[in-house]
Amino acid sequence: RSPDFDQIKTDLKQPVIFDGRNIYNPDVMEQFGFTYYSIGRRTRHKK
């Protein structure tokens, strides 16, 4: 089952995802326009 991220983004007041299981790809979440926080995963630094 795949979430409808376009619909989720529409339904949220702010497009923020907190992923405690690290099941989503941070790059994909960024492409959908979400601010994405993965809990327990190493931080990526943008250059």
N, C-alpha and C. Protein backbone atom coordinates (compact mmCIF):
# COMPACT_ATOMS: atom_id res chain seq x y z
N ARG A 1 0.85 -1.18 0.00
CA ARG A 1 0.00 0.00 0.00
C ARG A 1 0.89 1.23 0.00
N SER A 2 0.65 2.13 -0.92
CA SER A 2 1.45 3.35 -1.01
C SER A 2 0.60 4.56 -0.62
N PRO A 3 1.10 5.39 0.26
CA PRO A 3 0.36 6.58 0.66
C PRO A 3 0.22 7.56 -0.51
N ASP A 4 -0.88 8.28 -0.54
CA ASP A 4 -1.09 9.33 -1.54
C ASP A 4 -0.52 10.62 -0.95
N PHE A 5 0.76 10.87 -1.20
CA PHE A 5 1.43 12.00 -0.58
C PHE A 5 0.88 13.35 -1.05
N ASP A 6 0.37 13.40 -2.27
CA ASP A 6 -0.26 14.65 -2.73
C ASP A 6 -1.49 14.96 -1.87
N GLN A 7 -2.30 13.95 -1.59
CA GLN A 7 -3.49 14.15 -0.76
C GLN A 7 -3.10 14.46 0.68
N ILE A 8 -2.10 13.76 1.19
CA ILE A 8 -1.64 14.01 2.56
C ILE A 8 -1.17 15.45 2.70
N LYS A 9 -0.41 15.93 1.72
CA LYS A 9 0.08 17.31 1.76
C LYS A 9 -1.08 18.30 1.74
N THR A 10 -2.11 18.01 0.96
CA THR A 10 -3.30 18.87 0.91
C THR A 10 -4.02 18.90 2.25
N ASP A 11 -4.08 17.76 2.92
CA ASP A 11 -4.82 17.64 4.18
C ASP A 11 -4.10 18.26 5.38
N LEU A 12 -2.79 18.38 5.31
CA LEU A 12 -2.02 18.92 6.43
C LEU A 12 -2.00 20.45 6.41
N LYS A 13 -1.99 21.05 7.59
CA LYS A 13 -1.83 22.51 7.67
C LYS A 13 -0.42 22.90 7.26
N GLN A 14 0.55 22.10 7.65
CA GLN A 14 1.95 22.32 7.27
C GLN A 14 2.50 21.00 6.75
N PRO A 15 3.19 21.01 5.61
CA PRO A 15 3.68 19.76 5.02
C PRO A 15 4.94 19.24 5.72
N VAL A 16 4.75 18.67 6.90
CA VAL A 16 5.87 18.16 7.69
C VAL A 16 5.62 16.68 7.99
N ILE A 17 6.64 15.86 7.79
CA ILE A 17 6.57 14.43 8.09
C ILE A 17 7.65 14.09 9.10
N PHE A 18 7.26 13.43 10.19
CA PHE A 18 8.19 12.86 11.17
C PHE A 18 8.14 11.35 10.98
N ASP A 19 9.23 10.77 10.54
CA ASP A 19 9.29 9.35 10.22
C ASP A 19 10.08 8.61 11.29
N GLY A 20 9.39 8.02 12.24
CA GLY A 20 10.04 7.32 13.33
C GLY A 20 10.54 5.94 12.96
N ARG A 21 10.10 5.42 11.83
CA ARG A 21 10.53 4.08 11.40
C ARG A 21 11.52 4.14 10.24
N ASN A 22 11.79 5.34 9.74
CA ASN A 22 12.72 5.53 8.61
C ASN A 22 12.33 4.70 7.40
N ILE A 23 11.06 4.74 7.05
CA ILE A 23 10.59 3.93 5.92
C ILE A 23 10.50 4.72 4.62
N TYR A 24 10.65 6.04 4.68
CA TYR A 24 10.56 6.85 3.48
C TYR A 24 11.92 7.42 3.10
N ASN A 25 12.11 7.59 1.82
CA ASN A 25 13.34 8.16 1.30
C ASN A 25 13.29 9.68 1.44
N PRO A 26 14.27 10.27 2.11
CA PRO A 26 14.26 11.73 2.30
C PRO A 26 14.21 12.52 1.00
N ASP A 27 14.86 12.02 -0.05
CA ASP A 27 14.84 12.72 -1.34
C ASP A 27 13.44 12.72 -1.95
N VAL A 28 12.74 11.61 -1.82
CA VAL A 28 11.38 11.52 -2.36
C VAL A 28 10.45 12.45 -1.59
N MET A 29 10.59 12.48 -0.26
CA MET A 29 9.75 13.37 0.54
C MET A 29 9.99 14.84 0.16
N GLU A 30 11.24 15.17 -0.11
CA GLU A 30 11.57 16.54 -0.53
C GLU A 30 10.95 16.84 -1.89
N GLN A 31 10.94 15.87 -2.80
CA GLN A 31 10.32 16.06 -4.12
C GLN A 31 8.82 16.31 -4.00
N PHE A 32 8.18 15.70 -3.02
CA PHE A 32 6.76 15.93 -2.78
C PHE A 32 6.50 17.25 -2.07
N GLY A 33 7.56 17.91 -1.62
CA GLY A 33 7.40 19.22 -0.99
C GLY A 33 7.24 19.18 0.52
N PHE A 34 7.62 18.07 1.14
CA PHE A 34 7.51 17.95 2.59
C PHE A 34 8.81 18.38 3.27
N THR A 35 8.67 18.94 4.44
CA THR A 35 9.80 19.05 5.36
C THR A 35 9.83 17.71 6.07
N TYR A 36 10.94 17.02 5.97
CA TYR A 36 11.02 15.63 6.40
C TYR A 36 12.03 15.46 7.52
N TYR A 37 11.60 14.82 8.60
CA TYR A 37 12.47 14.51 9.72
C TYR A 37 12.46 13.00 9.94
N SER A 38 13.62 12.38 9.82
CA SER A 38 13.71 10.95 10.12
C SER A 38 14.33 10.82 11.51
N ILE A 39 13.68 10.06 12.35
CA ILE A 39 14.11 9.90 13.73
C ILE A 39 15.14 8.76 13.79
N GLY A 40 16.35 9.07 14.28
CA GLY A 40 17.38 8.06 14.44
C GLY A 40 18.31 7.90 13.25
N ARG A 41 17.99 8.52 12.14
CA ARG A 41 18.86 8.45 10.96
C ARG A 41 19.86 9.59 11.03
N ARG A 42 21.05 9.37 10.52
CA ARG A 42 22.06 10.43 10.53
C ARG A 42 21.57 11.63 9.73
N THR A 43 21.96 12.81 10.18
CA THR A 43 21.57 14.05 9.53
C THR A 43 22.34 14.22 8.23
N ARG A 44 21.63 14.67 7.21
CA ARG A 44 22.29 14.99 5.94
C ARG A 44 22.49 16.49 5.90
N HIS A 45 23.67 16.90 5.51
CA HIS A 45 23.96 18.33 5.41
C HIS A 45 23.90 18.74 3.95
N LYS A 46 23.12 19.76 3.67
CA LYS A 46 23.05 20.28 2.30
C LYS A 46 24.25 21.16 2.04
N LYS A 47 24.79 21.06 0.85
CA LYS A 47 25.95 21.86 0.48
C LYS A 47 25.54 23.01 -0.40
